[in-house]
Protein backbone atom coordinates (compact mmCIF):
# COMPACT_ATOMS: atom_id res chain seq x y z
CA UNK A 1 101.30 105.47 69.46
CA UNK A 2 102.06 109.10 68.80
CA UNK A 3 98.76 108.93 66.72
CA UNK A 4 96.42 107.28 69.63
CA UNK A 5 97.66 109.98 72.28
CA UNK A 6 96.70 113.19 69.92
CA UNK A 7 93.58 114.53 71.15
CA UNK A 8 92.22 116.07 68.31
CA UNK A 9 92.99 112.86 66.48
CA UNK A 10 90.75 111.42 63.57
CA UNK A 11 89.54 108.05 64.41
CA UNK A 12 88.99 107.34 60.35
CA UNK A 13 93.05 107.52 60.04
CA UNK A 14 93.94 104.59 63.11
CA UNK A 15 92.39 102.38 60.70
CA UNK A 16 95.10 103.25 58.07
CA UNK A 17 98.03 103.67 60.89
CA UNK A 18 97.53 100.12 62.63
CA UNK A 19 99.47 97.42 61.92
CA UNK A 20 98.40 93.99 61.31
CA UNK A 21 99.13 91.63 64.34
CA UNK A 22 99.95 88.20 63.41
CA UNK A 23 100.82 85.58 65.82
CA UNK A 24 103.11 82.90 64.68
CA UNK A 25 102.69 79.72 66.68
CA UNK A 26 105.22 77.13 67.31
CA UNK A 27 103.41 73.34 67.43
CA UNK A 28 106.73 71.97 68.58
CA UNK A 29 106.83 74.15 71.29
CA UNK A 30 106.55 72.77 74.84
CA UNK A 31 104.05 75.24 75.97
CA UNK A 32 101.96 75.09 72.67
CA UNK A 33 101.89 71.28 73.21
CA UNK A 34 100.86 71.35 77.15
CA UNK A 35 98.35 74.35 76.32
CA UNK A 36 96.71 72.17 73.66
CA UNK A 37 96.77 68.85 75.93
CA UNK A 38 94.75 70.76 78.47
CA UNK A 39 92.43 72.43 75.82
CA UNK A 40 91.81 69.09 74.93
CA UNK A 41 90.91 67.85 78.21
CA UNK A 42 88.91 70.49 79.34
CA UNK A 43 87.54 73.15 77.00
CA UNK A 44 85.86 75.15 79.62
CA UNK A 45 89.07 75.32 81.42
CA UNK A 46 89.57 79.19 82.96
CA UNK A 47 93.39 78.71 83.46
CA UNK A 48 93.75 77.49 79.87
CA UNK A 49 91.88 80.62 78.25
CA UNK A 50 93.95 82.81 80.57
CA UNK A 51 97.10 81.27 79.68
CA UNK A 52 96.20 81.98 76.05
CA UNK A 53 95.38 85.31 76.37
CA UNK A 54 98.36 85.93 78.38
CA UNK A 55 100.04 84.36 75.45
CA UNK A 56 99.07 86.51 73.24
CA UNK A 57 99.33 90.18 75.58
CA UNK A 58 102.77 89.23 76.14
CA UNK A 59 103.56 88.80 72.54
CA UNK A 60 101.78 92.17 71.75
CA UNK A 61 103.84 94.15 74.53
CA UNK A 62 107.01 92.20 73.36
CA UNK A 63 106.19 93.49 69.89
CA UNK A 64 106.00 96.80 70.62
CA UNK A 65 101.98 97.12 70.35
CA UNK A 66 99.65 98.59 73.37
CA UNK A 67 97.05 96.77 74.91
CA UNK A 68 93.50 98.35 74.67
CA UNK A 69 92.71 96.65 78.55
CA UNK A 70 95.66 96.99 80.30
CA UNK A 71 93.75 96.50 83.61
CA UNK A 72 92.48 93.11 82.13
CA UNK A 73 95.53 91.92 81.72
CA UNK A 74 97.09 92.88 85.03
CA UNK A 75 94.10 90.66 86.47
CA UNK A 76 95.16 88.05 84.49
CA UNK A 77 98.95 88.02 85.94
CA UNK A 78 97.42 88.24 89.27
CA UNK A 79 95.62 84.86 88.83
CA UNK A 80 98.17 83.10 87.48
CA UNK A 81 100.73 84.68 90.14
CA UNK A 82 98.09 83.35 92.67
CA UNK A 83 97.90 79.81 90.71
CA UNK A 84 101.73 79.40 90.77
CA UNK A 85 101.85 80.29 94.32
CA UNK A 86 99.07 78.14 95.27
CA UNK A 87 96.77 81.12 96.84
CA UNK A 88 92.84 80.57 97.14
CA UNK A 89 90.71 83.26 95.54
CA UNK A 90 88.92 83.38 98.79
CA UNK A 91 91.92 83.90 100.96
CA UNK A 92 92.90 87.05 101.66
CA UNK A 93 89.88 89.07 99.44
CA UNK A 94 88.94 91.30 102.38
CA UNK A 95 91.96 91.23 104.49
CA UNK A 96 94.44 93.18 102.03
CA UNK A 97 95.78 95.40 104.59
CA UNK A 98 96.00 93.00 107.37
CA UNK A 99 99.47 93.65 107.51
CA UNK A 100 99.54 97.48 107.36
CA UNK A 101 100.23 99.31 110.52
CA UNK A 102 97.43 101.09 112.33
CA UNK A 103 96.69 104.51 111.36
CA UNK A 104 97.47 106.90 113.80
CA UNK A 105 94.81 109.04 115.66
CA UNK A 106 94.30 112.99 114.03
CA UNK A 107 97.45 115.03 116.11
CA UNK A 108 97.56 118.90 115.50
CA UNK A 109 100.39 119.55 113.26
CA UNK A 110 101.66 122.18 115.49
CA UNK A 111 102.30 119.29 118.63
CA UNK A 112 103.59 116.92 116.34
CA UNK A 113 106.27 119.67 114.93
CA UNK A 114 106.97 119.86 118.73
CA UNK A 115 107.40 116.35 119.14
CA UNK A 116 110.06 115.90 116.47
CA UNK A 117 112.12 118.69 117.82
């Protein structure tokens, strides 16, 4: 991580410093069995792909590695939360701020201070 953060680091050194990533899968695990069953049923299921990638990226994070694309990871987490809460993707895309209070009118700061006193 320190080498990655260095401003003037040499790109050839990162190959020597990178650890080899190994993901060991327990085929008897209930999660693995269910993922296998769903993947066999529909090879193009986006949810299964997201779950497998989340499993891998979570294993990376818990092992101390950093993600190359954390925004993609966050997007997957949000999709899985929506799926778990049974929220449609179409609902709420444009109305994310409908529960926010309306903006106040532009008020001169001097008069606003007088109102507070």
